[in-house]
C-alpha atoms as a PDB file:
ATOM      1  CA  UNK A   1      -7.858 -23.543  12.636  1.00  0.00           C
ATOM      2  CA  UNK A   2      -9.280 -24.915   9.388  1.00  0.00           C
ATOM      3  CA  UNK A   3      -6.867 -25.522   6.504  1.00  0.00           C
ATOM      4  CA  UNK A   4      -8.731 -25.676   3.171  1.00  0.00           C
ATOM      5  CA  UNK A   5      -7.423 -27.176  -0.070  1.00  0.00           C
ATOM      6  CA  UNK A   6      -7.822 -25.590  -3.524  1.00  0.00           C
ATOM      7  CA  UNK A   7      -9.328 -22.383  -2.159  1.00  0.00           C
ATOM      8  CA  UNK A   8     -10.461 -19.626  -4.544  1.00  0.00           C
ATOM      9  CA  UNK A   9      -8.780 -16.267  -3.903  1.00  0.00           C
ATOM     10  CA  UNK A  10     -11.031 -14.337  -6.310  1.00  0.00           C
ATOM     11  CA  UNK A  11     -12.773 -12.417  -3.523  1.00  0.00           C
ATOM     12  CA  UNK A  12      -9.506 -11.866  -1.642  1.00  0.00           C
ATOM     13  CA  UNK A  13      -7.570  -9.869  -4.253  1.00  0.00           C
ATOM     14  CA  UNK A  14      -8.753  -6.460  -5.422  1.00  0.00           C
ATOM     15  CA  UNK A  15      -8.045  -7.234  -9.086  1.00  0.00           C
ATOM     16  CA  UNK A  16     -10.596 -10.035  -8.773  1.00  0.00           C
ATOM     17  CA  UNK A  17      -8.401 -12.629 -10.476  1.00  0.00           C
ATOM     18  CA  UNK A  18      -9.680 -16.206 -10.292  1.00  0.00           C
ATOM     19  CA  UNK A  19      -6.673 -17.890  -8.689  1.00  0.00           C
ATOM     20  CA  UNK A  20      -6.567 -20.966  -6.454  1.00  0.00           C
ATOM     21  CA  UNK A  21      -4.444 -21.514  -3.350  1.00  0.00           C
ATOM     22  CA  UNK A  22      -3.198 -25.091  -2.894  1.00  0.00           C
ATOM     23  CA  UNK A  23      -3.852 -24.622   0.829  1.00  0.00           C
ATOM     24  CA  UNK A  24      -5.559 -21.734   2.625  1.00  0.00           C
ATOM     25  CA  UNK A  25      -6.061 -20.865   6.275  1.00  0.00           C
ATOM     26  CA  UNK A  26      -7.383 -17.833   8.134  1.00  0.00           C
ATOM     27  CA  UNK A  27      -5.739 -17.166  11.490  1.00  0.00           C
ATOM     28  CA  UNK A  28      -6.998 -15.027  14.383  1.00  0.00           C
ATOM     29  CA  UNK A  29      -4.198 -15.522  16.918  1.00  0.00           C
ATOM     30  CA  UNK A  30      -0.426 -15.783  17.027  1.00  0.00           C
ATOM     31  CA  UNK A  31      -0.791 -19.354  18.275  1.00  0.00           C
ATOM     32  CA  UNK A  32      -2.822 -20.260  15.185  1.00  0.00           C
ATOM     33  CA  UNK A  33      -0.214 -18.578  12.981  1.00  0.00           C
ATOM     34  CA  UNK A  34       2.566 -20.617  14.603  1.00  0.00           C
ATOM     35  CA  UNK A  35       0.501 -23.788  14.128  1.00  0.00           C
ATOM     36  CA  UNK A  36      -0.063 -22.952  10.450  1.00  0.00           C
ATOM     37  CA  UNK A  37       3.652 -22.349   9.934  1.00  0.00           C
ATOM     38  CA  UNK A  38       4.431 -25.682  11.548  1.00  0.00           C
ATOM     39  CA  UNK A  39       2.026 -27.357   9.103  1.00  0.00           C
ATOM     40  CA  UNK A  40       3.785 -25.648   6.192  1.00  0.00           C
ATOM     41  CA  UNK A  41       7.186 -26.816   7.410  1.00  0.00           C
ATOM     42  CA  UNK A  42       5.930 -30.384   7.769  1.00  0.00           C
ATOM     43  CA  UNK A  43       4.468 -30.324   4.252  1.00  0.00           C
ATOM     44  CA  UNK A  44       7.526 -28.483   2.850  1.00  0.00           C
ATOM     45  CA  UNK A  45       5.288 -25.653   1.625  1.00  0.00           C
ATOM     46  CA  UNK A  46       6.094 -22.002   1.053  1.00  0.00           C
ATOM     47  CA  UNK A  47       3.910 -19.516   2.944  1.00  0.00           C
ATOM     48  CA  UNK A  48       2.154 -16.518   1.414  1.00  0.00           C
ATOM     49  CA  UNK A  49       0.676 -14.035   3.917  1.00  0.00           C
ATOM     50  CA  UNK A  50      -2.492 -12.275   2.772  1.00  0.00           C
ATOM     51  CA  UNK A  51      -4.054  -9.110   4.134  1.00  0.00           C
ATOM     52  CA  UNK A  52      -6.544  -7.026   2.206  1.00  0.00           C
ATOM     53  CA  UNK A  53      -5.245  -8.286  -1.150  1.00  0.00           C
ATOM     54  CA  UNK A  54      -4.908  -4.718  -2.413  1.00  0.00           C
ATOM     55  CA  UNK A  55      -1.207  -4.496  -3.224  1.00  0.00           C
ATOM     56  CA  UNK A  56      -0.527  -7.717  -5.076  1.00  0.00           C
ATOM     57  CA  UNK A  57      -0.955  -9.404  -8.419  1.00  0.00           C
ATOM     58  CA  UNK A  58      -1.747 -13.101  -8.217  1.00  0.00           C
ATOM     59  CA  UNK A  59      -0.154 -14.271 -11.448  1.00  0.00           C
ATOM     60  CA  UNK A  60      -1.330 -17.899 -11.264  1.00  0.00           C
ATOM     61  CA  UNK A  61      -2.411 -20.665  -8.945  1.00  0.00           C
ATOM     62  CA  UNK A  62      -0.479 -20.505  -5.656  1.00  0.00           C
ATOM     63  CA  UNK A  63       1.288 -23.791  -4.838  1.00  0.00           C
ATOM     64  CA  UNK A  64       1.749 -22.787  -1.206  1.00  0.00           C
ATOM     65  CA  UNK A  65      -0.073 -22.243   2.073  1.00  0.00           C
ATOM     66  CA  UNK A  66      -1.840 -18.887   1.851  1.00  0.00           C
ATOM     67  CA  UNK A  67      -2.325 -17.443   5.333  1.00  0.00           C
ATOM     68  CA  UNK A  68      -5.028 -14.799   5.733  1.00  0.00           C
ATOM     69  CA  UNK A  69      -3.872 -12.731   8.714  1.00  0.00           C
ATOM     70  CA  UNK A  70      -6.934 -11.658  10.691  1.00  0.00           C
ATOM     71  CA  UNK A  71      -5.284 -10.512  13.917  1.00  0.00           C
ATOM     72  CA  UNK A  72      -7.533  -7.777  15.316  1.00  0.00           C
ATOM     73  CA  UNK A  73      -6.599  -5.253  18.007  1.00  0.00           C
ATOM     74  CA  UNK A  74      -6.846  -1.518  18.605  1.00  0.00           C
ATOM     75  CA  UNK A  75      -5.580  -0.168  21.897  1.00  0.00           C
ATOM     76  CA  UNK A  76      -3.983   2.889  23.489  1.00  0.00           C
ATOM     77  CA  UNK A  77      -0.802   1.788  25.247  1.00  0.00           C
ATOM     78  CA  UNK A  78       0.393   5.137  26.607  1.00  0.00           C
ATOM     79  CA  UNK A  79      -0.779   8.743  26.586  1.00  0.00           C
ATOM     80  CA  UNK A  80       1.037  11.933  27.559  1.00  0.00           C
ATOM     81  CA  UNK A  81       0.526  15.632  26.928  1.00  0.00           C
ATOM     82  CA  UNK A  82       2.502  15.316  23.698  1.00  0.00           C
ATOM     83  CA  UNK A  83       2.133  11.775  22.361  1.00  0.00           C
ATOM     84  CA  UNK A  84      -0.183   8.784  22.136  1.00  0.00           C
ATOM     85  CA  UNK A  85       1.214   5.278  21.667  1.00  0.00           C
ATOM     86  CA  UNK A  86      -1.253   2.945  19.985  1.00  0.00           C
ATOM     87  CA  UNK A  87      -1.132  -0.722  19.041  1.00  0.00           C
ATOM     88  CA  UNK A  88      -2.922  -2.235  16.037  1.00  0.00           C
ATOM     89  CA  UNK A  89      -3.299  -5.842  14.977  1.00  0.00           C
ATOM     90  CA  UNK A  90      -2.064  -6.761  11.517  1.00  0.00           C
ATOM     91  CA  UNK A  91      -5.571  -7.737  10.405  1.00  0.00           C
ATOM     92  CA  UNK A  92      -7.129  -4.345  11.103  1.00  0.00           C
ATOM     93  CA  UNK A  93      -8.443  -2.425   8.097  1.00  0.00           C
ATOM     94  CA  UNK A  94      -6.048   0.484   7.581  1.00  0.00           C
ATOM     95  CA  UNK A  95      -8.619   3.205   6.892  1.00  0.00           C
ATOM     96  CA  UNK A  96     -10.780   2.134   9.826  1.00  0.00           C
ATOM     97  CA  UNK A  97      -7.704   2.306  12.060  1.00  0.00           C
ATOM     98  CA  UNK A  98      -6.921   5.850  10.887  1.00  0.00           C
ATOM     99  CA  UNK A  99     -10.467   6.975  11.685  1.00  0.00           C
ATOM    100  CA  UNK A 100     -10.305   5.290  15.096  1.00  0.00           C
ATOM    101  CA  UNK A 101      -7.062   7.102  16.010  1.00  0.00           C
ATOM    102  CA  UNK A 102      -8.799  10.411  15.359  1.00  0.00           C
ATOM    103  CA  UNK A 103     -11.650   9.508  17.720  1.00  0.00           C
ATOM    104  CA  UNK A 104      -8.911   8.842  20.305  1.00  0.00           C
ATOM    105  CA  UNK A 105      -7.429  12.333  19.721  1.00  0.00           C
ATOM    106  CA  UNK A 106      -4.280  10.740  18.312  1.00  0.00           C
ATOM    107  CA  UNK A 107      -3.049  12.562  15.218  1.00  0.00           C
ATOM    108  CA  UNK A 108      -0.629  12.041  12.347  1.00  0.00           C
ATOM    109  CA  UNK A 109      -2.158   9.357  10.134  1.00  0.00           C
ATOM    110  CA  UNK A 110      -5.021  11.442   8.733  1.00  0.00           C
ATOM    111  CA  UNK A 111      -3.203  12.106   5.426  1.00  0.00           C
ATOM    112  CA  UNK A 112      -3.033   8.334   4.927  1.00  0.00           C
ATOM    113  CA  UNK A 113      -6.811   7.924   4.972  1.00  0.00           C
ATOM    114  CA  UNK A 114      -8.482   5.526   2.532  1.00  0.00           C
ATOM    115  CA  UNK A 115      -5.261   3.778   1.536  1.00  0.00           C
ATOM    116  CA  UNK A 116      -6.558   0.259   0.898  1.00  0.00           C
ATOM    117  CA  UNK A 117      -5.346  -2.797   2.738  1.00  0.00           C
ATOM    118  CA  UNK A 118      -4.598  -3.951   6.258  1.00  0.00           C
ATOM    119  CA  UNK A 119      -2.232  -2.734   8.955  1.00  0.00           C
ATOM    120  CA  UNK A 120       0.206  -5.634   8.541  1.00  0.00           C
ATOM    121  CA  UNK A 121       1.091  -4.674   4.972  1.00  0.00           C
ATOM    122  CA  UNK A 122       1.567  -0.978   5.725  1.00  0.00           C
ATOM    123  CA  UNK A 123       5.146  -1.160   7.123  1.00  0.00           C
ATOM    124  CA  UNK A 124       6.311  -3.503   4.364  1.00  0.00           C
ATOM    125  CA  UNK A 125       5.445  -0.863   1.788  1.00  0.00           C
ATOM    126  CA  UNK A 126       6.088   2.144   4.047  1.00  0.00           C
ATOM    127  CA  UNK A 127       2.823   3.542   2.694  1.00  0.00           C
ATOM    128  CA  UNK A 128       2.632   7.263   2.076  1.00  0.00           C
ATOM    129  CA  UNK A 129       0.413  10.019   0.711  1.00  0.00           C
ATOM    130  CA  UNK A 130       0.111  13.806   0.730  1.00  0.00           C
ATOM    131  CA  UNK A 131       3.459  14.472   2.374  1.00  0.00           C
ATOM    132  CA  UNK A 132       3.242  11.790   5.090  1.00  0.00           C
ATOM    133  CA  UNK A 133       4.818   8.337   5.288  1.00  0.00           C
ATOM    134  CA  UNK A 134       4.118   5.569   7.774  1.00  0.00           C
ATOM    135  CA  UNK A 135       7.695   5.751   9.089  1.00  0.00           C
ATOM    136  CA  UNK A 136       7.023   9.307  10.346  1.00  0.00           C
ATOM    137  CA  UNK A 137       4.812   7.880  13.115  1.00  0.00           C
ATOM    138  CA  UNK A 138       6.122   4.339  13.423  1.00  0.00           C
ATOM    139  CA  UNK A 139       7.283   3.105  16.842  1.00  0.00           C
ATOM    140  CA  UNK A 140       7.832  -0.648  16.482  1.00  0.00           C
ATOM    141  CA  UNK A 141       6.279  -3.887  15.267  1.00  0.00           C
ATOM    142  CA  UNK A 142       6.133  -7.563  16.070  1.00  0.00           C
ATOM    143  CA  UNK A 143       6.424 -10.351  13.521  1.00  0.00           C
ATOM    144  CA  UNK A 144       6.657 -14.123  13.485  1.00  0.00           C
ATOM    145  CA  UNK A 145       9.629 -15.822  11.837  1.00  0.00           C
ATOM    146  CA  UNK A 146       8.253 -18.074   9.077  1.00  0.00           C
ATOM    147  CA  UNK A 147      11.124 -20.546   9.505  1.00  0.00           C
ATOM    148  CA  UNK A 148      11.169 -20.896  13.291  1.00  0.00           C
ATOM    149  CA  UNK A 149       7.753 -19.636  14.412  1.00  0.00           C
ATOM    150  CA  UNK A 150       9.398 -17.287  16.928  1.00  0.00           C
ATOM    151  CA  UNK A 151       7.922 -13.865  17.684  1.00  0.00           C
ATOM    152  CA  UNK A 152      10.370 -10.990  17.184  1.00  0.00           C
ATOM    153  CA  UNK A 153      10.304  -7.257  17.948  1.00  0.00           C
ATOM    154  CA  UNK A 154      11.500  -4.727  15.325  1.00  0.00           C
ATOM    155  CA  UNK A 155      12.460  -1.128  16.080  1.00  0.00           C
ATOM    156  CA  UNK A 156      12.227   1.807  13.680  1.00  0.00           C
ATOM    157  CA  UNK A 157      15.910   1.497  12.804  1.00  0.00           C
ATOM    158  CA  UNK A 158      15.684  -2.247  12.198  1.00  0.00           C
ATOM    159  CA  UNK A 159      12.881  -1.784   9.667  1.00  0.00           C
ATOM    160  CA  UNK A 160      15.162   0.303   7.382  1.00  0.00           C
ATOM    161  CA  UNK A 161      12.351   2.277   5.836  1.00  0.00           C
ATOM    162  CA  UNK A 162      12.824   3.942   2.464  1.00  0.00           C
ATOM    163  CA  UNK A 163      10.559   5.294  -0.248  1.00  0.00           C
ATOM    164  CA  UNK A 164       7.850   2.591  -0.492  1.00  0.00           C
ATOM    165  CA  UNK A 165      10.438   0.232   0.907  1.00  0.00           C
ATOM    166  CA  UNK A 166      11.550  -1.584   4.065  1.00  0.00           C
ATOM    167  CA  UNK A 167      13.760  -4.422   5.217  1.00  0.00           C
ATOM    168  CA  UNK A 168      10.758  -6.712   4.655  1.00  0.00           C
ATOM    169  CA  UNK A 169      10.998  -6.081   0.910  1.00  0.00           C
ATOM    170  CA  UNK A 170      14.781  -6.489   0.892  1.00  0.00           C
ATOM    171  CA  UNK A 171      16.982  -8.538   3.252  1.00  0.00           C
ATOM    172  CA  UNK A 172      14.028 -10.078   5.154  1.00  0.00           C
ATOM    173  CA  UNK A 173      11.740 -10.624   2.172  1.00  0.00           C
ATOM    174  CA  UNK A 174       9.480 -13.677   2.708  1.00  0.00           C
ATOM    175  CA  UNK A 175      11.024 -14.270   6.146  1.00  0.00           C
ATOM    176  CA  UNK A 176       8.503 -12.721   8.573  1.00  0.00           C
ATOM    177  CA  UNK A 177       4.741 -12.294   8.945  1.00  0.00           C
ATOM    178  CA  UNK A 178       3.853  -9.066  10.745  1.00  0.00           C
ATOM    179  CA  UNK A 179       1.388  -9.547  13.611  1.00  0.00           C
ATOM    180  CA  UNK A 180       1.044  -6.058  15.138  1.00  0.00           C
ATOM    181  CA  UNK A 181       2.312  -2.497  14.708  1.00  0.00           C
ATOM    182  CA  UNK A 182       2.816   0.265  17.286  1.00  0.00           C
ATOM    183  CA  UNK A 183       2.493   3.922  16.297  1.00  0.00           C
ATOM    184  CA  UNK A 184       3.642   6.990  18.219  1.00  0.00           C
ATOM    185  CA  UNK A 185       1.109   9.666  17.307  1.00  0.00           C
ATOM    186  CA  UNK A 186       0.764  13.278  18.352  1.00  0.00           C
ATOM    187  CA  UNK A 187      -1.666  14.387  21.060  1.00  0.00           C
ATOM    188  CA  UNK A 188      -2.111  17.645  19.124  1.00  0.00           C
ATOM    189  CA  UNK A 189      -3.199  18.055  15.533  1.00  0.00           C
ATOM    190  CA  UNK A 190      -0.351  19.350  13.359  1.00  0.00           C
ATOM    191  CA  UNK A 191      -1.855  19.469   9.842  1.00  0.00           C
ATOM    192  CA  UNK A 192       0.314  18.808   6.795  1.00  0.00           C
ATOM    193  CA  UNK A 193      -1.559  20.434   3.947  1.00  0.00           C
ATOM    194  CA  UNK A 194       1.129  21.111   1.353  1.00  0.00           C
ATOM    195  CA  UNK A 195      -0.720  19.509  -1.569  1.00  0.00           C
ATOM    196  CA  UNK A 196      -2.805  21.892  -3.650  1.00  0.00           C
ATOM    197  CA  UNK A 197      -5.750  19.597  -4.318  1.00  0.00           C
ATOM    198  CA  UNK A 198      -6.056  18.805  -0.606  1.00  0.00           C
ATOM    199  CA  UNK A 199      -5.908  22.510   0.247  1.00  0.00           C
ATOM    200  CA  UNK A 200      -8.677  23.232  -2.243  1.00  0.00           C
ATOM    201  CA  UNK A 201     -10.889  20.482  -0.867  1.00  0.00           C
ATOM    202  CA  UNK A 202     -10.443  21.738   2.694  1.00  0.00           C
ATOM    203  CA  UNK A 203     -11.042  25.345   1.680  1.00  0.00           C
ATOM    204  CA  UNK A 204     -14.435  24.330   0.310  1.00  0.00           C
ATOM    205  CA  UNK A 205     -15.243  22.463   3.512  1.00  0.00           C
ATOM    206  CA  UNK A 206     -13.833  24.784   6.168  1.00  0.00           C
ATOM    207  CA  UNK A 207     -13.391  28.204   4.622  1.00  0.00           C
ATOM    208  CA  UNK A 208     -10.725  30.085   6.556  1.00  0.00           C
ATOM    209  CA  UNK A 209     -10.975  28.207   9.852  1.00  0.00           C
ATOM    210  CA  UNK A 210      -8.529  25.443  10.737  1.00  0.00           C
ATOM    211  CA  UNK A 211      -9.763  21.934   9.860  1.00  0.00           C
ATOM    212  CA  UNK A 212     -10.203  19.183  12.407  1.00  0.00           C
ATOM    213  CA  UNK A 213      -8.370  15.897  12.041  1.00  0.00           C
ATOM    214  CA  UNK A 214     -11.563  14.182  10.939  1.00  0.00           C
ATOM    215  CA  UNK A 215     -12.184  16.868   8.308  1.00  0.00           C
ATOM    216  CA  UNK A 216      -8.664  16.334   6.946  1.00  0.00           C
ATOM    217  CA  UNK A 217      -9.310  12.593   6.807  1.00  0.00           C
ATOM    218  CA  UNK A 218     -12.604  13.102   4.983  1.00  0.00           C
ATOM    219  CA  UNK A 219     -11.017  15.531   2.521  1.00  0.00           C
ATOM    220  CA  UNK A 220      -8.166  13.106   1.790  1.00  0.00           C
ATOM    221  CA  UNK A 221     -10.690  10.322   1.243  1.00  0.00           C
ATOM    222  CA  UNK A 222     -12.719  12.461  -1.160  1.00  0.00           C
ATOM    223  CA  UNK A 223      -9.618  13.424  -3.156  1.00  0.00           C
ATOM    224  CA  UNK A 224      -8.571   9.786  -3.348  1.00  0.00           C
ATOM    225  CA  UNK A 225     -12.030   8.686  -4.480  1.00  0.00           C
ATOM    226  CA  UNK A 226     -11.827  11.202  -7.314  1.00  0.00           C
ATOM    227  CA  UNK A 227      -8.580   9.587  -8.447  1.00  0.00           C
ATOM    228  CA  UNK A 228      -9.133   5.886  -7.760  1.00  0.00           C
ATOM    229  CA  UNK A 229     -11.938   3.561  -8.861  1.00  0.00           C
ATOM    230  CA  UNK A 230     -13.750   1.411  -6.312  1.00  0.00           C
ATOM    231  CA  UNK A 231     -12.213  -2.106  -6.575  1.00  0.00           C
ATOM    232  CA  UNK A 232     -15.648  -3.557  -5.834  1.00  0.00           C
ATOM    233  CA  UNK A 233     -16.793  -2.019  -9.126  1.00  0.00           C
ATOM    234  CA  UNK A 234     -13.620  -2.092 -11.223  1.00  0.00           C
ATOM    235  CA  UNK A 235     -10.776  -4.418 -10.225  1.00  0.00           C
ATOM    236  CA  UNK A 236      -7.559  -2.532  -9.417  1.00  0.00           C
ATOM    237  CA  UNK A 237      -4.714  -2.269  -6.920  1.00  0.00           C
ATOM    238  CA  UNK A 238      -4.491   1.509  -6.688  1.00  0.00           C
ATOM    239  CA  UNK A 239      -1.279   3.086  -7.910  1.00  0.00           C
ATOM    240  CA  UNK A 240       0.481   0.425  -9.967  1.00  0.00           C
ATOM    241  CA  UNK A 241       3.898   2.051 -10.433  1.00  0.00           C
ATOM    242  CA  UNK A 242       6.213   3.854  -8.039  1.00  0.00           C
ATOM    243  CA  UNK A 243       7.070   7.482  -8.695  1.00  0.00           C
ATOM    244  CA  UNK A 244      10.609   7.272 -10.184  1.00  0.00           C
ATOM    245  CA  UNK A 245      13.461   8.852  -8.233  1.00  0.00           C
ATOM    246  CA  UNK A 246      15.933  10.501 -10.622  1.00  0.00           C
ATOM    247  CA  UNK A 247      18.881  12.902 -10.644  1.00  0.00           C
ATOM    248  CA  UNK A 248      18.715  16.664 -11.162  1.00  0.00           C
ATOM    249  CA  UNK A 249      20.408  16.191 -14.539  1.00  0.00           C
ATOM    250  CA  UNK A 250      17.583  13.967 -15.753  1.00  0.00           C
ATOM    251  CA  UNK A 251      14.982  16.478 -14.548  1.00  0.00           C
ATOM    252  CA  UNK A 252      16.793  19.270 -16.395  1.00  0.00           C
ATOM    253  CA  UNK A 253      16.907  17.191 -19.578  1.00  0.00           C
ATOM    254  CA  UNK A 254      13.228  16.335 -19.382  1.00  0.00           C
ATOM    255  CA  UNK A 255      12.151  19.912 -18.592  1.00  0.00           C
ATOM    256  CA  UNK A 256      13.941  21.141 -21.681  1.00  0.00           C
ATOM    257  CA  UNK A 257      11.630  18.939 -23.757  1.00  0.00           C
ATOM    258  CA  UNK A 258       8.582  18.876 -21.476  1.00  0.00           C
ATOM    259  CA  UNK A 259       8.215  22.247 -19.689  1.00  0.00           C
ATOM    260  CA  UNK A 260       5.110  20.992 -17.840  1.00  0.00           C
ATOM    261  CA  UNK A 261       7.020  18.096 -16.247  1.00  0.00           C
ATOM    262  CA  UNK A 262       5.667  17.225 -12.785  1.00  0.00           C
ATOM    263  CA  UNK A 263       8.597  16.693 -10.418  1.00  0.00           C
ATOM    264  CA  UNK A 264       9.219  17.238  -6.711  1.00  0.00           C
ATOM    265  CA  UNK A 265      12.475  17.637  -4.744  1.00  0.00           C
ATOM    266  CA  UNK A 266      13.434  14.425  -2.946  1.00  0.00           C
ATOM    267  CA  UNK A 267      16.551  15.053  -0.893  1.00  0.00           C
ATOM    268  CA  UNK A 268      19.345  15.589  -3.385  1.00  0.00           C
ATOM    269  CA  UNK A 269      17.272  13.904  -6.092  1.00  0.00           C
ATOM    270  CA  UNK A 270      13.871  14.401  -7.666  1.00  0.00           C
ATOM    271  CA  UNK A 271      10.654  12.413  -7.650  1.00  0.00           C
ATOM    272  CA  UNK A 272       8.754  12.258 -10.938  1.00  0.00           C
ATOM    273  CA  UNK A 273       4.989  11.748 -11.079  1.00  0.00           C
ATOM    274  CA  UNK A 274       4.550   8.318 -12.662  1.00  0.00           C
ATOM    275  CA  UNK A 275       0.930   9.079 -13.510  1.00  0.00           C
ATOM    276  CA  UNK A 276       1.975  12.175 -15.453  1.00  0.00           C
ATOM    277  CA  UNK A 277       4.586  10.185 -17.404  1.00  0.00           C
ATOM    278  CA  UNK A 278       2.040   7.544 -18.409  1.00  0.00           C
ATOM    279  CA  UNK A 279      -0.547  10.179 -19.281  1.00  0.00           C
ATOM    280  CA  UNK A 280       1.953  12.214 -21.317  1.00  0.00           C
ATOM    281  CA  UNK A 281       2.953   9.038 -23.162  1.00  0.00           C
ATOM    282  CA  UNK A 282      -0.645   8.855 -24.387  1.00  0.00           C
ATOM    283  CA  UNK A 283      -1.710   5.895 -22.283  1.00  0.00           C
ATOM    284  CA  UNK A 284      -4.419   7.321 -20.013  1.00  0.00           C
ATOM    285  CA  UNK A 285      -7.603   5.405 -20.754  1.00  0.00           C
ATOM    286  CA  UNK A 286      -5.619   2.988 -22.924  1.00  0.00           C
ATOM    287  CA  UNK A 287      -7.163  -0.474 -23.196  1.00  0.00           C
ATOM    288  CA  UNK A 288      -5.923  -3.877 -24.310  1.00  0.00           C
ATOM    289  CA  UNK A 289      -8.838  -6.296 -24.345  1.00  0.00           C
ATOM    290  CA  UNK A 290     -10.043  -6.825 -20.794  1.00  0.00           C
ATOM    291  CA  UNK A 291      -7.424  -4.656 -19.060  1.00  0.00           C
ATOM    292  CA  UNK A 292      -6.384  -1.024 -19.323  1.00  0.00           C
ATOM    293  CA  UNK A 293      -5.420   2.184 -17.559  1.00  0.00           C
ATOM    294  CA  UNK A 294      -8.174   4.110 -15.821  1.00  0.00           C
ATOM    295  CA  UNK A 295      -9.517   7.056 -17.770  1.00  0.00           C
ATOM    296  CA  UNK A 296      -9.292   9.408 -14.770  1.00  0.00           C
ATOM    297  CA  UNK A 297      -5.822   8.383 -13.517  1.00  0.00           C
ATOM    298  CA  UNK A 298      -3.254   6.732 -15.777  1.00  0.00           C
ATOM    299  CA  UNK A 299      -1.335   5.331 -12.804  1.00  0.00           C
ATOM    300  CA  UNK A 300      -4.182   2.910 -12.068  1.00  0.00           C
ATOM    301  CA  UNK A 301      -4.401  -0.352 -14.037  1.00  0.00           C
ATOM    302  CA  UNK A 302      -7.841  -1.930 -14.106  1.00  0.00           C
ATOM    303  CA  UNK A 303      -9.504  -5.256 -14.808  1.00  0.00           C
ATOM    304  CA  UNK A 304     -12.528  -4.478 -16.968  1.00  0.00           C
ATOM    305  CA  UNK A 305     -13.903  -7.945 -16.287  1.00  0.00           C
ATOM    306  CA  UNK A 306     -12.750 -11.581 -16.206  1.00  0.00           C
ATOM    307  CA  UNK A 307      -9.201 -10.747 -17.279  1.00  0.00           C
ATOM    308  CA  UNK A 308      -6.345 -13.171 -16.692  1.00  0.00           C
ATOM    309  CA  UNK A 309      -3.282 -12.060 -14.688  1.00  0.00           C
ATOM    310  CA  UNK A 310      -0.984 -12.411 -17.710  1.00  0.00           C
ATOM    311  CA  UNK A 311      -3.066  -9.815 -19.579  1.00  0.00           C
ATOM    312  CA  UNK A 312      -2.443  -7.277 -16.831  1.00  0.00           C
ATOM    313  CA  UNK A 313       1.266  -8.049 -16.582  1.00  0.00           C
ATOM    314  CA  UNK A 314       1.609  -7.682 -20.355  1.00  0.00           C
ATOM    315  CA  UNK A 315      -0.097  -4.281 -20.149  1.00  0.00           C
ATOM    316  CA  UNK A 316       2.344  -3.266 -17.419  1.00  0.00           C
ATOM    317  CA  UNK A 317       5.255  -4.174 -19.705  1.00  0.00           C
ATOM    318  CA  UNK A 318       3.745  -2.142 -22.564  1.00  0.00           C
ATOM    319  CA  UNK A 319       3.496   0.888 -20.293  1.00  0.00           C
ATOM    320  CA  UNK A 320       7.044   0.470 -18.981  1.00  0.00           C
ATOM    321  CA  UNK A 321       8.445   0.184 -22.506  1.00  0.00           C
ATOM    322  CA  UNK A 322       6.542   3.229 -23.794  1.00  0.00           C
ATOM    323  CA  UNK A 323       7.612   5.431 -20.872  1.00  0.00           C
ATOM    324  CA  UNK A 324      11.211   4.266 -21.299  1.00  0.00           C
ATOM    325  CA  UNK A 325      11.155   5.158 -25.010  1.00  0.00           C
ATOM    326  CA  UNK A 326       9.513   8.570 -24.540  1.00  0.00           C
ATOM    327  CA  UNK A 327      11.300   9.756 -21.399  1.00  0.00           C
ATOM    328  CA  UNK A 328      14.255   7.412 -20.838  1.00  0.00           C
ATOM    329  CA  UNK A 329      12.876   6.665 -17.365  1.00  0.00           C
ATOM    330  CA  UNK A 330      12.224   3.191 -15.902  1.00  0.00           C
ATOM    331  CA  UNK A 331       8.968   2.508 -14.052  1.00  0.00           C
ATOM    332  CA  UNK A 332       8.957  -0.008 -11.198  1.00  0.00           C
ATOM    333  CA  UNK A 333       5.797  -1.887 -10.290  1.00  0.00           C
ATOM    334  CA  UNK A 334       4.475  -1.176  -6.803  1.00  0.00           C
ATOM    335  CA  UNK A 335       2.340  -4.318  -6.162  1.00  0.00           C
ATOM    336  CA  UNK A 336       3.972  -7.626  -5.258  1.00  0.00           C
ATOM    337  CA  UNK A 337       3.610 -10.307  -7.918  1.00  0.00           C
ATOM    338  CA  UNK A 338       3.015 -13.862  -6.703  1.00  0.00           C
END
């Protein structure tokens, strides 16, 4: 284990911000993680876990120990006629894991293809796309307590998953570092193709025959690539704001003024399309200096080159204020700000 001082995180965050970590270490085992946490306790340092760097905004130099979690594992733990239990290390690339599950005839995650980041961050956010959320196929996870270094098991119920939410963003925020995740997947493909754009993409690929799991994954990836810029070309963190959850009364009020409002039932409430709100507010393709919203998807904030974090955060505030004025709806940022 090699702890480095004043380490540049520019290549480790998808916005490409030039930010330094006071201390940095990359770990490949639980034992190394426990050793790194012991070092942090001795030095009275906070710890910042880092995966793919795709769902965070580094707002300035990090006066902490940044721990790059590179725990790698893919294995089939159990298989029956109905289900496949798999285990994935927190450092596994999420999209590569999804593709691997399909080669193992384990289905359920295909709609979550090409979501950026690593496995360890996925439960924290309860990632979701095209009618599927991680919690739908989650079995359990293991995580190390930052304060004690002890390894703990978490069940589905203990994770308290919600819309882009979990106990690790609430009561246990900054308390645990996830080391592995178990998923209970289906041994039979049960496609969820309720989204129109995904249906259209698959119709072009497959005609009238039923798609394979890999074809669904490829179609999802193509749809996502049409919506999201490559962070290697244009710095971004994907969708920057959560889709607001509002009451039926608010939806009725908005529809009276905006008949083309994009909203979906969400239990007894409604989910608004944040991208539509920003677009309708006239901010798609909007630019302030070196940052802006992407011209093809207003929900994506981009670094046009060498921007500072405060420029991006100011843009986010401008967008939130404009949407609040136009629609009376509050937007909540999806990435974590450090």
